C-alpha atoms as a PDB file:
ATOM      1  CA  MET A   1      38.617  83.796 -39.261  1.00  0.00           C
ATOM      2  CA  THR A   2      41.481  81.473 -38.347  1.00  0.00           C
ATOM      3  CA  ASP A   3      44.195  81.217 -40.995  1.00  0.00           C
ATOM      4  CA  VAL A   4      44.295  77.783 -42.634  1.00  0.00           C
ATOM      5  CA  SER A   5      48.075  77.494 -42.353  1.00  0.00           C
ATOM      6  CA  GLU A   6      47.878  78.139 -38.602  1.00  0.00           C
ATOM      7  CA  LEU A   7      45.043  75.650 -38.202  1.00  0.00           C
ATOM      8  CA  ALA A   8      47.045  72.874 -39.867  1.00  0.00           C
ATOM      9  CA  GLY A   9      49.216  72.502 -36.777  1.00  0.00           C
ATOM     10  CA  SER A  10      46.304  71.449 -34.587  1.00  0.00           C
ATOM     11  CA  TYR A  11      44.989  68.722 -36.906  1.00  0.00           C
ATOM     12  CA  TRP A  12      46.513  65.311 -37.471  1.00  0.00           C
ATOM     13  CA  VAL A  13      46.413  63.265 -40.656  1.00  0.00           C
ATOM     14  CA  VAL A  14      45.785  59.525 -40.307  1.00  0.00           C
ATOM     15  CA  ILE A  15      46.530  57.212 -43.237  1.00  0.00           C
ATOM     16  CA  PRO A  16      45.573  53.536 -42.808  1.00  0.00           C
ATOM     17  CA  ALA A  17      47.715  51.305 -45.013  1.00  0.00           C
ATOM     18  CA  TYR A  18      47.649  47.613 -45.811  1.00  0.00           C
ATOM     19  CA  ASN A  19      50.169  46.400 -48.420  1.00  0.00           C
ATOM     20  CA  GLU A  20      50.575  49.869 -49.965  1.00  0.00           C
ATOM     21  CA  ALA A  21      54.374  49.936 -50.333  1.00  0.00           C
ATOM     22  CA  HIS A  22      54.082  51.183 -53.919  1.00  0.00           C
ATOM     23  CA  THR A  23      52.195  54.386 -53.062  1.00  0.00           C
ATOM     24  CA  VAL A  24      52.219  55.134 -49.332  1.00  0.00           C
ATOM     25  CA  ARG A  25      55.535  57.020 -49.171  1.00  0.00           C
ATOM     26  CA  ASP A  26      54.462  59.563 -51.777  1.00  0.00           C
ATOM     27  CA  VAL A  27      51.054  60.031 -50.112  1.00  0.00           C
ATOM     28  CA  ALA A  28      52.636  60.488 -46.672  1.00  0.00           C
ATOM     29  CA  MET A  29      55.270  62.945 -47.948  1.00  0.00           C
ATOM     30  CA  ARG A  30      52.661  65.116 -49.642  1.00  0.00           C
ATOM     31  CA  ALA A  31      50.363  64.994 -46.615  1.00  0.00           C
ATOM     32  CA  ARG A  32      53.296  66.068 -44.428  1.00  0.00           C
ATOM     33  CA  GLN A  33      53.670  69.172 -46.600  1.00  0.00           C
ATOM     34  CA  GLN A  34      50.113  70.160 -45.641  1.00  0.00           C
ATOM     35  CA  CYS A  35      50.111  69.210 -41.932  1.00  0.00           C
ATOM     36  CA  PRO A  36      53.045  68.771 -39.547  1.00  0.00           C
ATOM     37  CA  HIS A  37      51.458  65.751 -37.838  1.00  0.00           C
ATOM     38  CA  VAL A  38      50.996  62.668 -40.014  1.00  0.00           C
ATOM     39  CA  ILE A  39      50.335  59.123 -38.827  1.00  0.00           C
ATOM     40  CA  VAL A  40      50.527  56.062 -41.051  1.00  0.00           C
ATOM     41  CA  VAL A  41      49.002  52.960 -39.492  1.00  0.00           C
ATOM     42  CA  ASP A  42      50.572  49.893 -41.116  1.00  0.00           C
ATOM     43  CA  ASP A  43      47.915  47.214 -40.731  1.00  0.00           C
ATOM     44  CA  GLY A  44      50.108  44.128 -40.593  1.00  0.00           C
ATOM     45  CA  SER A  45      51.395  44.568 -44.162  1.00  0.00           C
ATOM     46  CA  THR A  46      53.579  41.887 -45.721  1.00  0.00           C
ATOM     47  CA  ASP A  47      55.024  43.934 -48.597  1.00  0.00           C
ATOM     48  CA  GLY A  48      57.329  46.257 -46.653  1.00  0.00           C
ATOM     49  CA  THR A  49      54.883  49.144 -46.293  1.00  0.00           C
ATOM     50  CA  ALA A  50      56.466  50.338 -43.029  1.00  0.00           C
ATOM     51  CA  GLU A  51      60.009  50.019 -44.391  1.00  0.00           C
ATOM     52  CA  VAL A  52      59.427  52.367 -47.335  1.00  0.00           C
ATOM     53  CA  LEU A  53      58.470  55.118 -44.866  1.00  0.00           C
ATOM     54  CA  ALA A  54      61.914  55.157 -43.246  1.00  0.00           C
ATOM     55  CA  GLY A  55      63.421  58.616 -42.938  1.00  0.00           C
ATOM     56  CA  LEU A  56      60.158  60.566 -43.149  1.00  0.00           C
ATOM     57  CA  ASP A  57      59.220  62.992 -40.378  1.00  0.00           C
ATOM     58  CA  ILE A  58      55.982  61.172 -39.595  1.00  0.00           C
ATOM     59  CA  THR A  59      54.642  58.703 -37.031  1.00  0.00           C
ATOM     60  CA  VAL A  60      54.381  55.068 -38.106  1.00  0.00           C
ATOM     61  CA  LEU A  61      52.217  52.743 -36.046  1.00  0.00           C
ATOM     62  CA  GLN A  62      52.465  49.045 -36.861  1.00  0.00           C
ATOM     63  CA  ASN A  63      49.716  46.536 -36.075  1.00  0.00           C
ATOM     64  CA  GLU A  64      51.199  43.161 -35.210  1.00  0.00           C
ATOM     65  CA  GLU A  65      48.325  41.524 -37.058  1.00  0.00           C
ATOM     66  CA  ASN A  66      45.780  42.747 -39.590  1.00  0.00           C
ATOM     67  CA  LEU A  67      43.048  44.605 -37.698  1.00  0.00           C
ATOM     68  CA  GLY A  68      41.148  45.877 -40.730  1.00  0.00           C
ATOM     69  CA  LYS A  69      40.529  49.480 -41.713  1.00  0.00           C
ATOM     70  CA  ALA A  70      38.266  50.127 -38.717  1.00  0.00           C
ATOM     71  CA  GLY A  71      40.852  49.002 -36.185  1.00  0.00           C
ATOM     72  CA  SER A  72      43.630  50.923 -37.911  1.00  0.00           C
ATOM     73  CA  LEU A  73      41.614  54.131 -38.048  1.00  0.00           C
ATOM     74  CA  TRP A  74      40.646  53.771 -34.399  1.00  0.00           C
ATOM     75  CA  ARG A  75      44.257  53.320 -33.337  1.00  0.00           C
ATOM     76  CA  GLY A  76      45.287  56.399 -35.323  1.00  0.00           C
ATOM     77  CA  PHE A  77      42.412  58.412 -33.821  1.00  0.00           C
ATOM     78  CA  GLN A  78      43.391  57.531 -30.265  1.00  0.00           C
ATOM     79  CA  HIS A  79      47.051  58.355 -30.890  1.00  0.00           C
ATOM     80  CA  ALA A  80      46.140  61.792 -32.270  1.00  0.00           C
ATOM     81  CA  LEU A  81      43.569  62.603 -29.580  1.00  0.00           C
ATOM     82  CA  ALA A  82      46.015  61.682 -26.813  1.00  0.00           C
ATOM     83  CA  ARG A  83      48.320  64.373 -28.207  1.00  0.00           C
ATOM     84  CA  GLY A  84      45.702  67.091 -28.243  1.00  0.00           C
ATOM     85  CA  ALA A  85      44.514  66.992 -31.850  1.00  0.00           C
ATOM     86  CA  SER A  86      41.589  69.313 -32.657  1.00  0.00           C
ATOM     87  CA  GLY A  87      40.504  66.813 -35.269  1.00  0.00           C
ATOM     88  CA  VAL A  88      41.720  64.110 -37.620  1.00  0.00           C
ATOM     89  CA  ILE A  89      41.863  64.150 -41.408  1.00  0.00           C
ATOM     90  CA  THR A  90      41.858  60.730 -43.029  1.00  0.00           C
ATOM     91  CA  LEU A  91      42.818  59.729 -46.543  1.00  0.00           C
ATOM     92  CA  ASP A  92      43.665  56.486 -48.265  1.00  0.00           C
ATOM     93  CA  ALA A  93      47.199  55.269 -48.909  1.00  0.00           C
ATOM     94  CA  ASP A  94      46.588  54.058 -52.463  1.00  0.00           C
ATOM     95  CA  GLY A  95      47.135  57.408 -54.202  1.00  0.00           C
ATOM     96  CA  GLN A  96      43.526  58.075 -55.182  1.00  0.00           C
ATOM     97  CA  HIS A  97      43.168  61.053 -52.847  1.00  0.00           C
ATOM     98  CA  THR A  98      45.056  64.309 -53.367  1.00  0.00           C
ATOM     99  CA  PRO A  99      46.796  65.454 -50.160  1.00  0.00           C
ATOM    100  CA  GLU A 100      47.081  68.962 -51.625  1.00  0.00           C
ATOM    101  CA  GLU A 101      43.302  69.253 -51.066  1.00  0.00           C
ATOM    102  CA  ILE A 102      43.677  68.974 -47.284  1.00  0.00           C
ATOM    103  CA  PRO A 103      43.474  72.813 -46.972  1.00  0.00           C
ATOM    104  CA  LEU A 104      39.904  72.621 -48.315  1.00  0.00           C
ATOM    105  CA  PHE A 105      38.912  70.689 -45.199  1.00  0.00           C
ATOM    106  CA  LEU A 106      40.850  73.047 -42.953  1.00  0.00           C
ATOM    107  CA  ALA A 107      39.107  76.034 -44.547  1.00  0.00           C
ATOM    108  CA  ALA A 108      35.727  74.529 -43.697  1.00  0.00           C
ATOM    109  CA  ALA A 109      36.887  73.658 -40.165  1.00  0.00           C
ATOM    110  CA  ALA A 110      37.953  77.277 -39.710  1.00  0.00           C
ATOM    111  CA  GLN A 111      34.303  78.272 -40.210  1.00  0.00           C
ATOM    112  CA  ASP A 112      32.929  75.670 -37.788  1.00  0.00           C
ATOM    113  CA  SER A 113      35.262  73.335 -35.908  1.00  0.00           C
ATOM    114  CA  SER A 114      32.426  70.921 -35.032  1.00  0.00           C
ATOM    115  CA  LEU A 115      31.543  70.021 -38.641  1.00  0.00           C
ATOM    116  CA  PHE A 116      31.966  66.459 -39.851  1.00  0.00           C
ATOM    117  CA  LEU A 117      33.445  66.943 -43.325  1.00  0.00           C
ATOM    118  CA  LEU A 118      33.056  64.342 -46.045  1.00  0.00           C
ATOM    119  CA  GLY A 119      35.130  64.514 -49.237  1.00  0.00           C
ATOM    120  CA  ALA A 120      32.652  64.098 -52.106  1.00  0.00           C
ATOM    121  CA  ARG A 121      34.030  62.952 -55.447  1.00  0.00           C
ATOM    122  CA  ARG A 122      32.358  64.297 -58.568  1.00  0.00           C
ATOM    123  CA  ARG A 123      29.863  61.863 -60.053  1.00  0.00           C
ATOM    124  CA  ASP A 124      31.537  61.860 -63.459  1.00  0.00           C
ATOM    125  CA  GLN A 125      34.726  60.630 -61.756  1.00  0.00           C
ATOM    126  CA  ARG A 126      32.896  58.067 -59.656  1.00  0.00           C
ATOM    127  CA  ARG A 127      31.113  56.630 -62.712  1.00  0.00           C
ATOM    128  CA  THR A 128      34.459  55.496 -64.132  1.00  0.00           C
ATOM    129  CA  TRP A 129      34.100  52.299 -62.085  1.00  0.00           C
ATOM    130  CA  PHE A 130      30.517  51.264 -62.839  1.00  0.00           C
ATOM    131  CA  TRP A 131      29.937  48.504 -60.276  1.00  0.00           C
ATOM    132  CA  ARG A 132      31.666  50.399 -57.489  1.00  0.00           C
ATOM    133  CA  TYR A 133      29.658  53.503 -58.399  1.00  0.00           C
ATOM    134  CA  PHE A 134      26.408  51.522 -58.312  1.00  0.00           C
ATOM    135  CA  ALA A 135      27.334  49.993 -54.952  1.00  0.00           C
ATOM    136  CA  ASN A 136      28.284  53.405 -53.572  1.00  0.00           C
ATOM    137  CA  ARG A 137      24.973  54.924 -54.659  1.00  0.00           C
ATOM    138  CA  VAL A 138      23.129  52.113 -52.881  1.00  0.00           C
ATOM    139  CA  ALA A 139      25.177  52.837 -49.751  1.00  0.00           C
ATOM    140  CA  ASP A 140      24.511  56.584 -50.100  1.00  0.00           C
ATOM    141  CA  PHE A 141      20.763  55.907 -50.047  1.00  0.00           C
ATOM    142  CA  TRP A 142      20.774  53.609 -47.025  1.00  0.00           C
ATOM    143  CA  ILE A 143      23.212  55.674 -44.987  1.00  0.00           C
ATOM    144  CA  GLY A 144      21.365  58.876 -45.847  1.00  0.00           C
ATOM    145  CA  TRP A 145      18.076  57.309 -44.745  1.00  0.00           C
ATOM    146  CA  ALA A 146      19.516  56.283 -41.384  1.00  0.00           C
ATOM    147  CA  ALA A 147      21.324  59.587 -40.859  1.00  0.00           C
ATOM    148  CA  GLY A 148      18.341  61.655 -41.985  1.00  0.00           C
ATOM    149  CA  PHE A 149      19.763  63.648 -44.876  1.00  0.00           C
ATOM    150  CA  SER A 150      20.947  63.160 -48.447  1.00  0.00           C
ATOM    151  CA  VAL A 151      24.556  61.938 -48.437  1.00  0.00           C
ATOM    152  CA  GLU A 152      26.858  62.410 -51.405  1.00  0.00           C
ATOM    153  CA  ASP A 153      29.674  59.850 -51.594  1.00  0.00           C
ATOM    154  CA  SER A 154      29.254  58.153 -48.236  1.00  0.00           C
ATOM    155  CA  GLN A 155      32.143  55.751 -48.963  1.00  0.00           C
ATOM    156  CA  SER A 156      34.805  58.389 -49.425  1.00  0.00           C
ATOM    157  CA  GLY A 157      37.757  57.836 -47.094  1.00  0.00           C
ATOM    158  CA  PHE A 158      38.859  61.474 -47.417  1.00  0.00           C
ATOM    159  CA  ARG A 159      37.292  63.026 -44.312  1.00  0.00           C
ATOM    160  CA  LEU A 160      37.751  65.378 -41.390  1.00  0.00           C
ATOM    161  CA  TYR A 161      36.600  64.119 -38.004  1.00  0.00           C
ATOM    162  CA  PRO A 162      36.428  66.825 -35.308  1.00  0.00           C
ATOM    163  CA  ALA A 163      37.816  65.726 -31.953  1.00  0.00           C
ATOM    164  CA  VAL A 164      34.440  66.392 -30.300  1.00  0.00           C
ATOM    165  CA  ILE A 165      32.860  63.730 -32.521  1.00  0.00           C
ATOM    166  CA  LEU A 166      35.593  61.146 -31.985  1.00  0.00           C
ATOM    167  CA  GLN A 167      35.324  61.685 -28.231  1.00  0.00           C
ATOM    168  CA  ASP A 168      31.531  61.365 -28.221  1.00  0.00           C
ATOM    169  CA  VAL A 169      30.839  58.607 -30.746  1.00  0.00           C
ATOM    170  CA  SER A 170      31.354  54.974 -29.807  1.00  0.00           C
ATOM    171  CA  VAL A 171      30.963  52.294 -32.475  1.00  0.00           C
ATOM    172  CA  ARG A 172      32.481  48.875 -32.992  1.00  0.00           C
ATOM    173  CA  HIS A 173      35.887  48.888 -34.680  1.00  0.00           C
ATOM    174  CA  ASP A 174      36.802  45.214 -34.772  1.00  0.00           C
ATOM    175  CA  ARG A 175      38.073  43.601 -37.967  1.00  0.00           C
ATOM    176  CA  ALA A 176      34.591  42.448 -38.969  1.00  0.00           C
ATOM    177  CA  ARG A 177      33.423  46.068 -39.228  1.00  0.00           C
ATOM    178  CA  SER A 178      35.954  46.970 -41.947  1.00  0.00           C
ATOM    179  CA  PHE A 179      34.309  49.594 -44.184  1.00  0.00           C
ATOM    180  CA  VAL A 180      31.107  49.515 -42.096  1.00  0.00           C
ATOM    181  CA  PHE A 181      32.894  51.496 -39.379  1.00  0.00           C
ATOM    182  CA  GLU A 182      33.165  54.738 -41.377  1.00  0.00           C
ATOM    183  CA  SER A 183      29.493  54.582 -42.345  1.00  0.00           C
ATOM    184  CA  GLU A 184      28.368  53.927 -38.784  1.00  0.00           C
ATOM    185  CA  VAL A 185      30.423  56.798 -37.364  1.00  0.00           C
ATOM    186  CA  LEU A 186      28.754  59.133 -39.876  1.00  0.00           C
ATOM    187  CA  ILE A 187      25.256  57.946 -38.947  1.00  0.00           C
ATOM    188  CA  GLU A 188      25.829  58.095 -35.205  1.00  0.00           C
ATOM    189  CA  ALA A 189      27.473  61.525 -35.349  1.00  0.00           C
ATOM    190  CA  VAL A 190      24.496  63.017 -37.189  1.00  0.00           C
ATOM    191  CA  GLN A 191      22.028  61.266 -34.881  1.00  0.00           C
ATOM    192  CA  LYS A 192      23.851  62.853 -31.939  1.00  0.00           C
ATOM    193  CA  GLY A 193      23.248  66.288 -33.434  1.00  0.00           C
ATOM    194  CA  PHE A 194      26.485  66.998 -35.289  1.00  0.00           C
ATOM    195  CA  SER A 195      26.259  68.551 -38.752  1.00  0.00           C
ATOM    196  CA  CYS A 196      27.883  67.020 -41.817  1.00  0.00           C
ATOM    197  CA  ARG A 197      28.958  68.900 -44.918  1.00  0.00           C
ATOM    198  CA  SER A 198      30.521  67.838 -48.188  1.00  0.00           C
ATOM    199  CA  VAL A 199      33.824  69.112 -49.524  1.00  0.00           C
ATOM    200  CA  PRO A 200      34.207  68.505 -53.275  1.00  0.00           C
ATOM    201  CA  VAL A 201      37.420  66.592 -53.987  1.00  0.00           C
ATOM    202  CA  THR A 202      39.048  64.920 -56.942  1.00  0.00           C
ATOM    203  CA  VAL A 203      39.793  61.228 -57.202  1.00  0.00           C
ATOM    204  CA  LEU A 204      42.608  59.702 -59.211  1.00  0.00           C
ATOM    205  CA  SER A 205      43.037  56.241 -60.647  1.00  0.00           C
ATOM    206  CA  ARG A 206      44.915  53.823 -58.443  1.00  0.00           C
ATOM    207  CA  SER A 207      48.621  53.999 -59.228  1.00  0.00           C
ATOM    208  CA  GLY A 208      49.645  50.851 -57.379  1.00  0.00           C
ATOM    209  CA  PRO A 209      49.450  47.225 -58.525  1.00  0.00           C
ATOM    210  CA  ARG A 210      47.162  46.090 -55.686  1.00  0.00           C
ATOM    211  CA  PRO A 211      43.383  45.984 -56.300  1.00  0.00           C
ATOM    212  CA  SER A 212      41.064  47.892 -53.991  1.00  0.00           C
ATOM    213  CA  HIS A 213      40.303  46.358 -50.593  1.00  0.00           C
ATOM    214  CA  PHE A 214      36.691  47.515 -50.993  1.00  0.00           C
ATOM    215  CA  SER A 215      34.378  44.679 -52.065  1.00  0.00           C
ATOM    216  CA  PRO A 216      31.184  46.112 -53.624  1.00  0.00           C
ATOM    217  CA  LEU A 217      29.041  43.087 -52.761  1.00  0.00           C
ATOM    218  CA  ALA A 218      30.364  42.033 -49.358  1.00  0.00           C
ATOM    219  CA  ASP A 219      30.998  45.497 -47.931  1.00  0.00           C
ATOM    220  CA  ILE A 220      27.722  46.997 -49.135  1.00  0.00           C
ATOM    221  CA  ALA A 221      25.894  43.974 -47.706  1.00  0.00           C
ATOM    222  CA  GLY A 222      27.564  44.638 -44.353  1.00  0.00           C
ATOM    223  CA  ILE A 223      26.670  48.315 -44.487  1.00  0.00           C
ATOM    224  CA  THR A 224      23.060  47.487 -45.407  1.00  0.00           C
ATOM    225  CA  ARG A 225      22.737  45.092 -42.447  1.00  0.00           C
ATOM    226  CA  MET A 226      24.088  47.726 -40.068  1.00  0.00           C
ATOM    227  CA  VAL A 227      21.747  50.400 -41.434  1.00  0.00           C
ATOM    228  CA  ALA A 228      18.736  48.052 -41.355  1.00  0.00           C
ATOM    229  CA  TRP A 229      19.368  47.349 -37.668  1.00  0.00           C
ATOM    230  CA  ARG A 230      19.608  51.062 -36.911  1.00  0.00           C
ATOM    231  CA  LEU A 231      16.409  51.790 -38.815  1.00  0.00           C
ATOM    232  CA  LEU A 232      14.536  49.022 -36.985  1.00  0.00           C
ATOM    233  CA  SER A 233      15.715  50.384 -33.658  1.00  0.00           C
ATOM    234  CA  ARG A 234      14.581  53.919 -34.535  1.00  0.00           C
ATOM    235  CA  GLY A 235      11.154  53.235 -36.027  1.00  0.00           C
ATOM    236  CA  PHE A 236      12.368  53.358 -39.652  1.00  0.00           C
ATOM    237  CA  ASN A 237      13.068  57.118 -39.525  1.00  0.00           C
ATOM    238  CA  LEU A 238      10.424  58.037 -42.113  1.00  0.00           C
ATOM    239  CA  CYS A 239      11.407  61.694 -41.896  1.00  0.00           C
ATOM    240  CA  GLY A 240      14.941  60.695 -42.895  1.00  0.00           C
ATOM    241  CA  LEU A 241      13.619  58.703 -45.850  1.00  0.00           C
ATOM    242  CA  TRP A 242      11.637  61.724 -47.016  1.00  0.00           C
ATOM    243  CA  ARG A 243      14.731  63.955 -46.781  1.00  0.00           C
ATOM    244  CA  VAL A 244      16.781  61.481 -48.825  1.00  0.00           C
ATOM    245  CA  LEU A 245      14.131  61.114 -51.520  1.00  0.00           C
ATOM    246  CA  TRP A 246      13.948  64.906 -51.825  1.00  0.00           C
ATOM    247  CA  LYS A 247      17.755  65.160 -51.631  1.00  0.00           C
ATOM    248  CA  ILE A 248      17.760  67.461 -48.615  1.00  0.00           C
ATOM    249  CA  GLU A 249      21.319  67.870 -47.371  1.00  0.00           C
ATOM    250  CA  SER A 250      22.635  68.484 -43.867  1.00  0.00           C
ATOM    251  CA  ARG A 251      22.928  72.242 -44.295  1.00  0.00           C
ATOM    252  CA  SER A 252      25.621  71.566 -46.865  1.00  0.00           C
ATOM    253  CA  ASP A 253      27.145  74.127 -49.224  1.00  0.00           C
ATOM    254  CA  PRO A 254      30.352  72.512 -50.575  1.00  0.00           C
ATOM    255  CA  HIS A 255      30.982  75.215 -53.162  1.00  0.00           C
ATOM    256  CA  ARG A 256      31.262  77.823 -50.417  1.00  0.00           C
ATOM    257  CA  VAL A 257      34.198  75.854 -48.999  1.00  0.00           C
ATOM    258  CA  LEU A 258      36.023  76.097 -52.310  1.00  0.00           C
ATOM    259  CA  ARG A 259      35.285  79.812 -52.685  1.00  0.00           C
ATOM    260  CA  THR A 260      36.471  80.583 -49.161  1.00  0.00           C
ATOM    261  CA  HIS A 261      39.741  78.697 -49.624  1.00  0.00           C
ATOM    262  CA  ARG A 262      40.444  80.397 -52.944  1.00  0.00           C
ATOM    263  CA  GLU A 263      39.680  83.823 -51.462  1.00  0.00           C
ATOM    264  CA  GLN A 264      42.105  83.171 -48.615  1.00  0.00           C
ATOM    265  CA  LYS A 265      44.840  82.141 -51.051  1.00  0.00           C
ATOM    266  CA  THR A 266      44.243  85.294 -53.084  1.00  0.00           C
ATOM    267  CA  GLU A 267      44.424  87.526 -49.985  1.00  0.00           C
ATOM    268  CA  SER A 268      47.690  85.929 -48.879  1.00  0.00           C
ATOM    269  CA  ARG A 269      49.481  86.749 -52.128  1.00  0.00           C
END
């Protein structure tokens, strides 16, 4: 099995950031400690987000205007792929994700480099924000139905996208897609035959002063419209609905990922 520390050099970290000057430097520094290639895409910020990253050994891409999360992710993906990345790990710039958990994704990728890995927050942590949790559970149901398996935490931005998926999947990434983009990539990847697994991760409270860009009502409505169109075009995918109702996962065993990583750390000592 490939060593996780060796694998880190072939994966790139992409961090989309819009007005995250308070937190982005710390997130980028910690991510850089896990992977040598880190990209921060400053999405037309007005608070000096790009300036606070000065002096760090990372790549900073600046959008001249706000393109939205979808456009920023897409630009980061293309930059990494053009430089031979085996895959891209994404996490948010607001400090809620723990960069030190990146090796968990790399450990799973070492087992199967074609897996789409989704960071799943524990439900007790997600329930801290009731309305966002409710909206996320609604999205989990719809996205799982369209994809054809039970999805846990479909709105998590902590993910690993294998290069083979990013090269094969083509979805809209204009500003209007915003948070819909990540959901649609997941659905299309699974429909194309790629497997998705969950990696259990922790989530922290936002440490910055800016509220979340995620709007439970507007963004979930957009996701629902996208999923409804996909279901209509595929005959409602009744098999997928059955798998969601019975909580059948996409050959997922997230706890094995944790065990494997811990075993590797023990062996290296």
